[in-house]
Amino acid sequence: MNNEEKFLYILGQVKRDGMENLIDFIKKTDFFKAPASTRFHGCYEGGLLEHSLKVYDILKHKVETNIEPLDVNPETLILVPLLHDLCKANFYKVDYRNAKNALGVWEKVPYYTVDDTIPYGHGEKSVMMITEYIKLTPEEKYAIRWHMGYTEPKELYNTIGAAYKKYPLALLTHEADLEATYFYDI
C-alpha cells in the first residue's frame, strides 16, 4: 500500500456526515504531491503526505502511552494528525531560479514558493477548510488550530498555554508535529 492509499484508508475510517465530500475535495487538490514546506522539512514532492502520516503515527503513540491516560475518540486520532496541515493543499507552486551546478555553470533549477490564495493563517485555515465539509469537536479544533505551538507570535503565548491546559491533545499534536519535523525531517 503506497502512502496515498494508506492515508485514504485511515481517513476513510472516519464516518461523519460530509466525510466523502471532504475526501473528494482532498483528492482534487495537490495534497498528495505537495511539499510540507518550501525550504525546511519535507521540501519535496509528496512531503506533505509523508509528514501527515508521520504525525499520525507519533500522535497515536503519544496518546496510547501518555503517563496520564487520555480519553481520545478514535476518529479524533485520525482527523487531527492527518488534516492538521490541510491548509498547505494548493498552497505551494514550483518556480525557477538560477543556480550554479557542480561544474560552476549557471542553470535554471526548480524550487517551491508560496502561492497563498486563501490568506487565513495556518492552523485556523486548516480548521476552516475541514469544517466546510464535516463538523469537528472543540478538542479537534483546538488541536489543529494550535499545532504550531510557540512558533506563533509571542502575544498569543498565554492563549496557547490556556488551550493546552484545556485540551492536552493540542499540546501532544504540537509535540508530534515537532518530532515529525525534527526527528524525521518530514
N, C-alpha and C. Protein backbone atom coordinates (compact mmCIF):
# COMPACT_ATOMS: atom_id res chain seq x y z
N MET A 1 0.84 -1.17 0.00
CA MET A 1 0.00 0.00 0.00
C MET A 1 0.89 1.24 0.00
N ASN A 2 0.70 2.13 -0.97
CA ASN A 2 1.50 3.35 -1.02
C ASN A 2 0.95 4.37 -0.02
N ASN A 3 1.64 5.50 0.13
CA ASN A 3 1.24 6.50 1.13
C ASN A 3 -0.14 7.09 0.87
N GLU A 4 -0.46 7.34 -0.38
CA GLU A 4 -1.78 7.89 -0.69
C GLU A 4 -2.88 6.89 -0.30
N GLU A 5 -2.69 5.64 -0.65
CA GLU A 5 -3.67 4.61 -0.29
C GLU A 5 -3.79 4.46 1.22
N LYS A 6 -2.65 4.50 1.92
CA LYS A 6 -2.66 4.40 3.37
C LYS A 6 -3.43 5.56 3.99
N PHE A 7 -3.15 6.78 3.53
CA PHE A 7 -3.83 7.97 4.02
C PHE A 7 -5.34 7.85 3.82
N LEU A 8 -5.75 7.48 2.61
CA LEU A 8 -7.18 7.38 2.31
C LEU A 8 -7.85 6.25 3.08
N TYR A 9 -7.12 5.16 3.29
CA TYR A 9 -7.67 4.05 4.08
C TYR A 9 -7.92 4.48 5.52
N ILE A 10 -6.93 5.13 6.12
CA ILE A 10 -7.06 5.57 7.52
C ILE A 10 -8.17 6.63 7.63
N LEU A 11 -8.12 7.63 6.76
CA LEU A 11 -9.12 8.70 6.81
C LEU A 11 -10.53 8.15 6.53
N GLY A 12 -10.62 7.14 5.71
CA GLY A 12 -11.90 6.51 5.38
C GLY A 12 -12.57 5.83 6.56
N GLN A 13 -11.83 5.63 7.64
CA GLN A 13 -12.42 5.02 8.84
C GLN A 13 -13.28 6.01 9.61
N VAL A 14 -13.18 7.30 9.29
CA VAL A 14 -14.00 8.32 9.94
C VAL A 14 -15.36 8.33 9.26
N LYS A 15 -16.41 8.15 10.04
CA LYS A 15 -17.77 8.03 9.49
C LYS A 15 -18.64 9.21 9.90
N ARG A 16 -18.25 10.40 9.52
CA ARG A 16 -19.03 11.59 9.83
C ARG A 16 -19.76 12.08 8.58
N ASP A 17 -20.87 12.74 8.79
CA ASP A 17 -21.58 13.36 7.67
C ASP A 17 -20.64 14.31 6.95
N GLY A 18 -20.58 14.18 5.63
CA GLY A 18 -19.75 15.05 4.82
C GLY A 18 -18.35 14.52 4.57
N MET A 19 -18.00 13.39 5.19
CA MET A 19 -16.63 12.87 5.06
C MET A 19 -16.28 12.52 3.61
N GLU A 20 -17.22 11.93 2.90
CA GLU A 20 -16.94 11.59 1.50
C GLU A 20 -16.64 12.85 0.68
N ASN A 21 -17.36 13.92 0.96
CA ASN A 21 -17.12 15.18 0.25
C ASN A 21 -15.75 15.76 0.60
N LEU A 22 -15.36 15.64 1.88
CA LEU A 22 -14.04 16.12 2.29
C LEU A 22 -12.95 15.33 1.58
N ILE A 23 -13.10 14.02 1.53
CA ILE A 23 -12.12 13.17 0.85
C ILE A 23 -12.07 13.51 -0.64
N ASP A 24 -13.23 13.72 -1.27
CA ASP A 24 -13.25 14.12 -2.68
C ASP A 24 -12.52 15.45 -2.89
N PHE A 25 -12.74 16.39 -1.97
CA PHE A 25 -12.04 17.67 -2.05
C PHE A 25 -10.52 17.47 -1.99
N ILE A 26 -10.07 16.68 -1.01
CA ILE A 26 -8.63 16.44 -0.85
C ILE A 26 -8.05 15.82 -2.12
N LYS A 27 -8.76 14.87 -2.71
CA LYS A 27 -8.29 14.21 -3.93
C LYS A 27 -8.14 15.19 -5.09
N LYS A 28 -8.94 16.26 -5.09
CA LYS A 28 -8.90 17.24 -6.18
C LYS A 28 -7.80 18.28 -5.97
N THR A 29 -7.18 18.29 -4.80
CA THR A 29 -6.09 19.22 -4.54
C THR A 29 -4.75 18.55 -4.85
N ASP A 30 -3.68 19.25 -4.56
CA ASP A 30 -2.33 18.69 -4.73
C ASP A 30 -1.80 18.10 -3.42
N PHE A 31 -2.69 17.83 -2.45
CA PHE A 31 -2.27 17.36 -1.13
C PHE A 31 -1.28 16.19 -1.20
N PHE A 32 -1.51 15.25 -2.07
CA PHE A 32 -0.67 14.05 -2.12
C PHE A 32 0.69 14.29 -2.79
N LYS A 33 0.81 15.37 -3.52
CA LYS A 33 2.07 15.68 -4.22
C LYS A 33 2.80 16.89 -3.61
N ALA A 34 2.09 17.67 -2.81
CA ALA A 34 2.66 18.92 -2.28
C ALA A 34 3.83 18.67 -1.33
N PRO A 35 4.73 19.63 -1.23
CA PRO A 35 5.79 19.55 -0.21
C PRO A 35 5.19 19.93 1.14
N ALA A 36 5.91 19.65 2.21
CA ALA A 36 5.47 20.07 3.54
C ALA A 36 5.92 21.50 3.84
N SER A 37 6.94 21.97 3.14
CA SER A 37 7.42 23.34 3.31
C SER A 37 8.23 23.73 2.07
N THR A 38 8.66 24.99 2.04
CA THR A 38 9.43 25.45 0.88
C THR A 38 10.92 25.20 1.03
N ARG A 39 11.43 25.21 2.29
CA ARG A 39 12.88 25.08 2.48
C ARG A 39 13.26 24.15 3.61
N PHE A 40 12.33 23.81 4.45
CA PHE A 40 12.68 23.08 5.66
C PHE A 40 12.26 21.62 5.56
N HIS A 41 11.40 21.16 6.41
CA HIS A 41 11.04 19.74 6.44
C HIS A 41 10.15 19.36 5.26
N GLY A 42 10.38 18.16 4.74
CA GLY A 42 9.54 17.63 3.68
C GLY A 42 9.48 18.50 2.44
N CYS A 43 10.57 19.11 2.09
CA CYS A 43 10.62 20.02 0.94
C CYS A 43 10.86 19.22 -0.34
N TYR A 44 9.91 18.36 -0.65
CA TYR A 44 9.99 17.54 -1.85
C TYR A 44 8.58 17.06 -2.20
N GLU A 45 8.40 16.62 -3.41
CA GLU A 45 7.09 16.14 -3.85
C GLU A 45 6.64 15.00 -2.93
N GLY A 46 5.43 15.13 -2.41
CA GLY A 46 4.88 14.13 -1.50
C GLY A 46 5.25 14.34 -0.05
N GLY A 47 6.01 15.40 0.24
CA GLY A 47 6.46 15.66 1.61
C GLY A 47 5.31 15.93 2.57
N LEU A 48 4.27 16.63 2.13
CA LEU A 48 3.12 16.92 2.99
C LEU A 48 2.40 15.64 3.39
N LEU A 49 2.20 14.76 2.46
CA LEU A 49 1.54 13.48 2.74
C LEU A 49 2.39 12.67 3.71
N GLU A 50 3.67 12.57 3.45
CA GLU A 50 4.57 11.80 4.31
C GLU A 50 4.61 12.39 5.72
N HIS A 51 4.66 13.71 5.82
CA HIS A 51 4.67 14.39 7.12
C HIS A 51 3.38 14.10 7.88
N SER A 52 2.25 14.21 7.20
CA SER A 52 0.95 13.98 7.85
C SER A 52 0.85 12.57 8.40
N LEU A 53 1.32 11.60 7.64
CA LEU A 53 1.29 10.20 8.10
C LEU A 53 2.23 9.99 9.29
N LYS A 54 3.37 10.65 9.29
CA LYS A 54 4.30 10.52 10.41
C LYS A 54 3.72 11.17 11.67
N VAL A 55 3.07 12.32 11.53
CA VAL A 55 2.42 12.95 12.68
C VAL A 55 1.32 12.02 13.21
N TYR A 56 0.60 11.36 12.33
CA TYR A 56 -0.42 10.39 12.74
C TYR A 56 0.21 9.28 13.59
N ASP A 57 1.28 8.68 13.11
CA ASP A 57 1.94 7.60 13.85
C ASP A 57 2.42 8.07 15.22
N ILE A 58 3.05 9.23 15.25
CA ILE A 58 3.61 9.75 16.50
C ILE A 58 2.50 10.12 17.48
N LEU A 59 1.48 10.83 17.02
CA LEU A 59 0.41 11.26 17.93
C LEU A 59 -0.34 10.06 18.49
N LYS A 60 -0.60 9.09 17.66
CA LYS A 60 -1.29 7.88 18.13
C LYS A 60 -0.48 7.22 19.24
N HIS A 61 0.82 7.10 19.04
CA HIS A 61 1.70 6.50 20.05
C HIS A 61 1.71 7.35 21.32
N LYS A 62 1.80 8.66 21.18
CA LYS A 62 1.83 9.54 22.35
C LYS A 62 0.56 9.39 23.19
N VAL A 63 -0.58 9.35 22.55
CA VAL A 63 -1.84 9.23 23.28
C VAL A 63 -1.92 7.86 23.96
N GLU A 64 -1.51 6.82 23.26
CA GLU A 64 -1.60 5.46 23.81
C GLU A 64 -0.65 5.24 24.98
N THR A 65 0.47 5.96 25.02
CA THR A 65 1.48 5.73 26.06
C THR A 65 1.61 6.88 27.04
N ASN A 66 0.73 7.85 26.98
CA ASN A 66 0.82 9.01 27.87
C ASN A 66 0.72 8.56 29.33
N ILE A 67 1.52 9.14 30.20
CA ILE A 67 1.52 8.79 31.63
C ILE A 67 0.13 9.02 32.22
N GLU A 68 -0.45 10.16 31.91
CA GLU A 68 -1.82 10.46 32.34
C GLU A 68 -2.75 9.97 31.24
N PRO A 69 -3.55 8.93 31.50
CA PRO A 69 -4.42 8.39 30.44
C PRO A 69 -5.33 9.47 29.84
N LEU A 70 -5.42 9.46 28.53
CA LEU A 70 -6.28 10.40 27.81
C LEU A 70 -7.39 9.63 27.12
N ASP A 71 -8.59 10.12 27.25
CA ASP A 71 -9.73 9.51 26.59
C ASP A 71 -9.98 10.28 25.29
N VAL A 72 -9.38 9.80 24.21
CA VAL A 72 -9.48 10.48 22.92
C VAL A 72 -10.25 9.60 21.96
N ASN A 73 -11.25 10.19 21.32
CA ASN A 73 -12.07 9.49 20.34
C ASN A 73 -11.17 8.97 19.21
N PRO A 74 -11.35 7.72 18.78
CA PRO A 74 -10.51 7.18 17.69
C PRO A 74 -10.58 8.02 16.41
N GLU A 75 -11.73 8.59 16.10
CA GLU A 75 -11.83 9.44 14.91
C GLU A 75 -10.99 10.71 15.07
N THR A 76 -10.92 11.22 16.29
CA THR A 76 -10.10 12.40 16.56
C THR A 76 -8.64 12.10 16.30
N LEU A 77 -8.21 10.88 16.67
CA LEU A 77 -6.81 10.48 16.46
C LEU A 77 -6.48 10.23 14.99
N ILE A 78 -7.47 10.29 14.15
CA ILE A 78 -7.26 10.21 12.70
C ILE A 78 -7.30 11.62 12.10
N LEU A 79 -8.37 12.34 12.41
CA LEU A 79 -8.59 13.64 11.79
C LEU A 79 -7.50 14.65 12.13
N VAL A 80 -7.16 14.76 13.40
CA VAL A 80 -6.22 15.81 13.83
C VAL A 80 -4.86 15.67 13.15
N PRO A 81 -4.20 14.53 13.27
CA PRO A 81 -2.86 14.47 12.66
C PRO A 81 -2.87 14.44 11.13
N LEU A 82 -3.83 13.76 10.54
CA LEU A 82 -3.83 13.66 9.08
C LEU A 82 -4.21 14.98 8.41
N LEU A 83 -5.01 15.80 9.08
CA LEU A 83 -5.51 17.02 8.44
C LEU A 83 -4.99 18.31 9.06
N HIS A 84 -4.06 18.22 10.02
CA HIS A 84 -3.59 19.44 10.69
C HIS A 84 -2.97 20.44 9.71
N ASP A 85 -2.39 19.97 8.63
CA ASP A 85 -1.78 20.85 7.63
C ASP A 85 -2.55 20.87 6.31
N LEU A 86 -3.85 20.64 6.36
CA LEU A 86 -4.65 20.70 5.14
C LEU A 86 -4.51 22.06 4.47
N CYS A 87 -4.23 23.08 5.26
CA CYS A 87 -4.05 24.44 4.72
C CYS A 87 -2.93 24.51 3.68
N LYS A 88 -2.08 23.52 3.63
CA LYS A 88 -0.97 23.54 2.67
C LYS A 88 -1.34 22.93 1.32
N ALA A 89 -2.56 22.43 1.20
CA ALA A 89 -3.02 21.95 -0.10
C ALA A 89 -3.23 23.16 -1.01
N ASN A 90 -2.77 23.06 -2.23
CA ASN A 90 -2.86 24.16 -3.21
C ASN A 90 -2.23 25.45 -2.67
N PHE A 91 -1.17 25.31 -1.90
CA PHE A 91 -0.51 26.44 -1.25
C PHE A 91 0.86 26.74 -1.87
N TYR A 92 1.52 25.70 -2.38
CA TYR A 92 2.86 25.87 -2.94
C TYR A 92 2.81 25.74 -4.46
N LYS A 93 3.76 26.38 -5.10
CA LYS A 93 3.91 26.21 -6.54
C LYS A 93 5.39 26.11 -6.85
N VAL A 94 5.68 25.55 -7.99
CA VAL A 94 7.06 25.42 -8.44
C VAL A 94 7.41 26.65 -9.27
N ASP A 95 8.56 27.22 -8.96
CA ASP A 95 9.10 28.33 -9.74
C ASP A 95 10.55 27.97 -10.08
N TYR A 96 11.23 28.83 -10.79
CA TYR A 96 12.61 28.54 -11.19
C TYR A 96 13.51 29.72 -10.85
N ARG A 97 14.75 29.40 -10.51
CA ARG A 97 15.76 30.42 -10.27
C ARG A 97 17.09 29.92 -10.83
N ASN A 98 18.01 30.84 -10.99
CA ASN A 98 19.33 30.48 -11.50
C ASN A 98 20.23 30.06 -10.34
N ALA A 99 20.96 28.98 -10.55
CA ALA A 99 21.92 28.50 -9.55
C ALA A 99 23.06 27.82 -10.30
N LYS A 100 24.23 27.86 -9.67
CA LYS A 100 25.38 27.19 -10.29
C LYS A 100 25.31 25.70 -10.00
N ASN A 101 25.61 24.90 -11.03
CA ASN A 101 25.65 23.45 -10.84
C ASN A 101 27.04 23.04 -10.33
N ALA A 102 27.30 21.75 -10.22
CA ALA A 102 28.56 21.25 -9.68
C ALA A 102 29.78 21.69 -10.51
N LEU A 103 29.55 22.02 -11.78
CA LEU A 103 30.64 22.47 -12.65
C LEU A 103 30.80 23.98 -12.63
N GLY A 104 29.98 24.67 -11.84
CA GLY A 104 30.06 26.13 -11.75
C GLY A 104 29.34 26.84 -12.87
N VAL A 105 28.49 26.10 -13.60
CA VAL A 105 27.74 26.68 -14.70
C VAL A 105 26.34 27.04 -14.21
N TRP A 106 25.89 28.24 -14.59
CA TRP A 106 24.54 28.66 -14.19
C TRP A 106 23.50 27.87 -14.95
N GLU A 107 22.45 27.47 -14.21
CA GLU A 107 21.33 26.78 -14.84
C GLU A 107 20.05 27.09 -14.06
N LYS A 108 18.92 26.91 -14.72
CA LYS A 108 17.64 27.13 -14.04
C LYS A 108 17.31 25.88 -13.23
N VAL A 109 16.95 26.09 -11.95
CA VAL A 109 16.59 24.98 -11.09
C VAL A 109 15.22 25.26 -10.46
N PRO A 110 14.43 24.22 -10.28
CA PRO A 110 13.11 24.43 -9.68
C PRO A 110 13.21 24.59 -8.16
N TYR A 111 12.27 25.31 -7.60
CA TYR A 111 12.15 25.43 -6.15
C TYR A 111 10.68 25.71 -5.82
N TYR A 112 10.31 25.45 -4.58
CA TYR A 112 8.94 25.71 -4.15
C TYR A 112 8.81 27.12 -3.59
N THR A 113 7.71 27.74 -3.93
CA THR A 113 7.38 29.06 -3.40
C THR A 113 5.92 29.04 -2.94
N VAL A 114 5.54 30.00 -2.14
CA VAL A 114 4.18 30.07 -1.60
C VAL A 114 3.28 30.84 -2.56
N ASP A 115 2.10 30.29 -2.78
CA ASP A 115 1.06 30.95 -3.57
C ASP A 115 -0.23 30.86 -2.76
N ASP A 116 -0.35 31.71 -1.74
CA ASP A 116 -1.45 31.65 -0.79
C ASP A 116 -2.66 32.41 -1.31
N THR A 117 -3.59 31.68 -1.91
CA THR A 117 -4.79 32.31 -2.46
C THR A 117 -5.89 32.47 -1.41
N ILE A 118 -5.69 31.85 -0.24
CA ILE A 118 -6.65 31.98 0.86
C ILE A 118 -5.86 32.39 2.10
N PRO A 119 -5.51 33.67 2.25
CA PRO A 119 -4.68 34.12 3.36
C PRO A 119 -5.47 34.20 4.67
N TYR A 120 -5.58 33.06 5.35
CA TYR A 120 -6.40 32.96 6.55
C TYR A 120 -5.62 32.40 7.72
N GLY A 121 -4.31 32.40 7.64
CA GLY A 121 -3.50 31.85 8.71
C GLY A 121 -3.06 30.43 8.40
N HIS A 122 -2.74 29.70 9.44
CA HIS A 122 -2.24 28.33 9.26
C HIS A 122 -3.20 27.33 9.91
N GLY A 123 -3.09 27.15 11.22
CA GLY A 123 -3.97 26.20 11.89
C GLY A 123 -5.43 26.56 11.72
N GLU A 124 -5.75 27.86 11.84
CA GLU A 124 -7.13 28.29 11.69
C GLU A 124 -7.63 28.06 10.27
N LYS A 125 -6.74 28.13 9.30
CA LYS A 125 -7.14 27.87 7.91
C LYS A 125 -7.46 26.39 7.71
N SER A 126 -6.68 25.51 8.32
CA SER A 126 -6.99 24.08 8.24
C SER A 126 -8.35 23.79 8.86
N VAL A 127 -8.61 24.37 10.03
CA VAL A 127 -9.91 24.18 10.69
C VAL A 127 -11.03 24.67 9.77
N MET A 128 -10.86 25.85 9.19
CA MET A 128 -11.88 26.40 8.30
C MET A 128 -12.14 25.47 7.11
N MET A 129 -11.07 24.98 6.51
CA MET A 129 -11.22 24.12 5.33
C MET A 129 -11.94 22.82 5.68
N ILE A 130 -11.59 22.22 6.80
CA ILE A 130 -12.21 20.96 7.21
C ILE A 130 -13.68 21.16 7.52
N THR A 131 -13.99 22.24 8.26
CA THR A 131 -15.37 22.45 8.71
C THR A 131 -16.30 22.90 7.58
N GLU A 132 -15.77 23.13 6.42
CA GLU A 132 -16.64 23.34 5.26
C GLU A 132 -17.30 22.03 4.83
N TYR A 133 -16.76 20.90 5.32
CA TYR A 133 -17.27 19.59 4.93
C TYR A 133 -17.81 18.77 6.10
N ILE A 134 -17.12 18.77 7.23
CA ILE A 134 -17.53 17.98 8.39
C ILE A 134 -17.50 18.82 9.66
N LYS A 135 -18.21 18.34 10.65
CA LYS A 135 -18.20 19.00 11.96
C LYS A 135 -17.02 18.46 12.77
N LEU A 136 -16.29 19.37 13.39
CA LEU A 136 -15.19 19.00 14.29
C LEU A 136 -15.62 19.25 15.73
N THR A 137 -15.09 18.45 16.64
CA THR A 137 -15.31 18.70 18.06
C THR A 137 -14.44 19.87 18.49
N PRO A 138 -14.76 20.50 19.62
CA PRO A 138 -13.88 21.57 20.11
C PRO A 138 -12.44 21.08 20.31
N GLU A 139 -12.26 19.88 20.85
CA GLU A 139 -10.91 19.35 21.05
C GLU A 139 -10.15 19.27 19.73
N GLU A 140 -10.81 18.82 18.67
CA GLU A 140 -10.18 18.71 17.35
C GLU A 140 -9.82 20.09 16.81
N LYS A 141 -10.74 21.04 16.98
CA LYS A 141 -10.47 22.40 16.50
C LYS A 141 -9.26 23.00 17.20
N TYR A 142 -9.20 22.85 18.52
CA TYR A 142 -8.08 23.42 19.27
C TYR A 142 -6.76 22.73 18.89
N ALA A 143 -6.78 21.41 18.78
CA ALA A 143 -5.55 20.68 18.46
C ALA A 143 -5.01 21.09 17.09
N ILE A 144 -5.89 21.25 16.12
CA ILE A 144 -5.45 21.65 14.79
C ILE A 144 -5.04 23.12 14.79
N ARG A 145 -5.86 23.96 15.40
CA ARG A 145 -5.56 25.41 15.41
C ARG A 145 -4.22 25.71 16.05
N TRP A 146 -3.91 25.06 17.17
CA TRP A 146 -2.71 25.41 17.94
C TRP A 146 -1.55 24.43 17.74
N HIS A 147 -1.57 23.64 16.66
CA HIS A 147 -0.49 22.65 16.47
C HIS A 147 0.87 23.30 16.24
N MET A 148 0.90 24.57 15.88
CA MET A 148 2.19 25.24 15.66
C MET A 148 2.83 25.71 16.97
N GLY A 149 2.07 25.68 18.06
CA GLY A 149 2.62 25.98 19.37
C GLY A 149 3.28 27.33 19.46
N TYR A 150 4.44 27.34 20.08
CA TYR A 150 5.12 28.59 20.38
C TYR A 150 5.92 29.16 19.21
N THR A 151 5.64 28.69 18.01
CA THR A 151 6.13 29.38 16.82
C THR A 151 5.16 30.50 16.44
N GLU A 152 4.00 30.51 17.09
CA GLU A 152 3.03 31.59 16.92
C GLU A 152 3.61 32.87 17.54
N PRO A 153 3.07 34.03 17.22
CA PRO A 153 3.57 35.27 17.83
C PRO A 153 3.50 35.22 19.36
N LYS A 154 4.49 35.82 20.01
CA LYS A 154 4.58 35.75 21.47
C LYS A 154 3.36 36.34 22.17
N GLU A 155 2.64 37.21 21.50
CA GLU A 155 1.43 37.79 22.08
C GLU A 155 0.35 36.73 22.31
N LEU A 156 0.48 35.59 21.67
CA LEU A 156 -0.50 34.51 21.80
C LEU A 156 -0.08 33.43 22.81
N TYR A 157 1.07 33.56 23.43
CA TYR A 157 1.58 32.51 24.32
C TYR A 157 0.62 32.18 25.45
N ASN A 158 0.00 33.17 26.07
CA ASN A 158 -0.95 32.87 27.15
C ASN A 158 -2.15 32.10 26.62
N THR A 159 -2.62 32.47 25.44
CA THR A 159 -3.75 31.77 24.82
C THR A 159 -3.38 30.33 24.50
N ILE A 160 -2.19 30.14 23.97
CA ILE A 160 -1.72 28.79 23.64
C ILE A 160 -1.64 27.94 24.91
N GLY A 161 -1.06 28.49 25.96
CA GLY A 161 -0.96 27.76 27.22
C GLY A 161 -2.32 27.38 27.76
N ALA A 162 -3.28 28.30 27.68
CA ALA A 162 -4.64 28.00 28.15
C ALA A 162 -5.28 26.90 27.30
N ALA A 163 -5.03 26.93 26.00
CA ALA A 163 -5.58 25.89 25.10
C ALA A 163 -4.98 24.53 25.43
N TYR A 164 -3.67 24.49 25.69
CA TYR A 164 -3.02 23.22 26.01
C TYR A 164 -3.49 22.67 27.35
N LYS A 165 -3.77 23.55 28.28
CA LYS A 165 -4.27 23.11 29.58
C LYS A 165 -5.69 22.55 29.45
N LYS A 166 -6.49 23.21 28.63
CA LYS A 166 -7.89 22.78 28.43
C LYS A 166 -7.96 21.50 27.61
N TYR A 167 -7.12 21.40 26.60
CA TYR A 167 -7.13 20.25 25.69
C TYR A 167 -5.71 19.71 25.54
N PRO A 168 -5.29 18.78 26.39
CA PRO A 168 -3.93 18.22 26.30
C PRO A 168 -3.59 17.65 24.93
N LEU A 169 -4.60 17.19 24.19
CA LEU A 169 -4.34 16.67 22.84
C LEU A 169 -3.71 17.75 21.96
N ALA A 170 -4.04 18.99 22.19
CA ALA A 170 -3.46 20.08 21.39
C ALA A 170 -1.95 20.15 21.61
N LEU A 171 -1.52 20.01 22.86
CA LEU A 171 -0.08 20.00 23.15
C LEU A 171 0.59 18.78 22.53
N LEU A 172 -0.03 17.62 22.66
CA LEU A 172 0.56 16.41 22.08
C LEU A 172 0.63 16.50 20.56
N THR A 173 -0.34 17.18 19.95
CA THR A 173 -0.31 17.38 18.49
C THR A 173 0.88 18.25 18.11
N HIS A 174 1.09 19.31 18.87
CA HIS A 174 2.24 20.18 18.62
C HIS A 174 3.54 19.38 18.76
N GLU A 175 3.64 18.58 19.81
CA GLU A 175 4.85 17.77 20.01
C GLU A 175 5.04 16.78 18.87
N ALA A 176 3.97 16.13 18.43
CA ALA A 176 4.06 15.15 17.33
C ALA A 176 4.51 15.84 16.05
N ASP A 177 3.99 17.04 15.81
CA ASP A 177 4.38 17.80 14.63
C ASP A 177 5.87 18.15 14.69
N LEU A 178 6.34 18.59 15.86
CA LEU A 178 7.77 18.90 16.02
C LEU A 178 8.63 17.66 15.82
N GLU A 179 8.23 16.55 16.42
CA GLU A 179 9.01 15.32 16.30
C GLU A 179 9.09 14.87 14.84
N ALA A 180 7.97 14.91 14.13
CA ALA A 180 7.98 14.52 12.72
C ALA A 180 8.92 15.42 11.92
N THR A 181 8.92 16.70 12.29
CA THR A 181 9.74 17.68 11.58
C THR A 181 11.21 17.53 11.88
N TYR A 182 11.57 17.43 13.17
CA TYR A 182 12.98 17.48 13.55
C TYR A 182 13.63 16.12 13.75
N PHE A 183 12.89 15.11 14.15
CA PHE A 183 13.48 13.78 14.32
C PHE A 183 13.53 13.03 12.99
N TYR A 184 12.55 13.29 12.14
CA TYR A 184 12.44 12.53 10.87
C TYR A 184 12.61 13.41 9.64
N ASP A 185 12.69 14.74 9.83
CA ASP A 185 12.85 15.68 8.73
C ASP A 185 11.74 15.56 7.69
N ILE A 186 10.52 15.26 8.17
CA ILE A 186 9.37 15.20 7.27
C ILE A 186 8.18 15.90 7.87
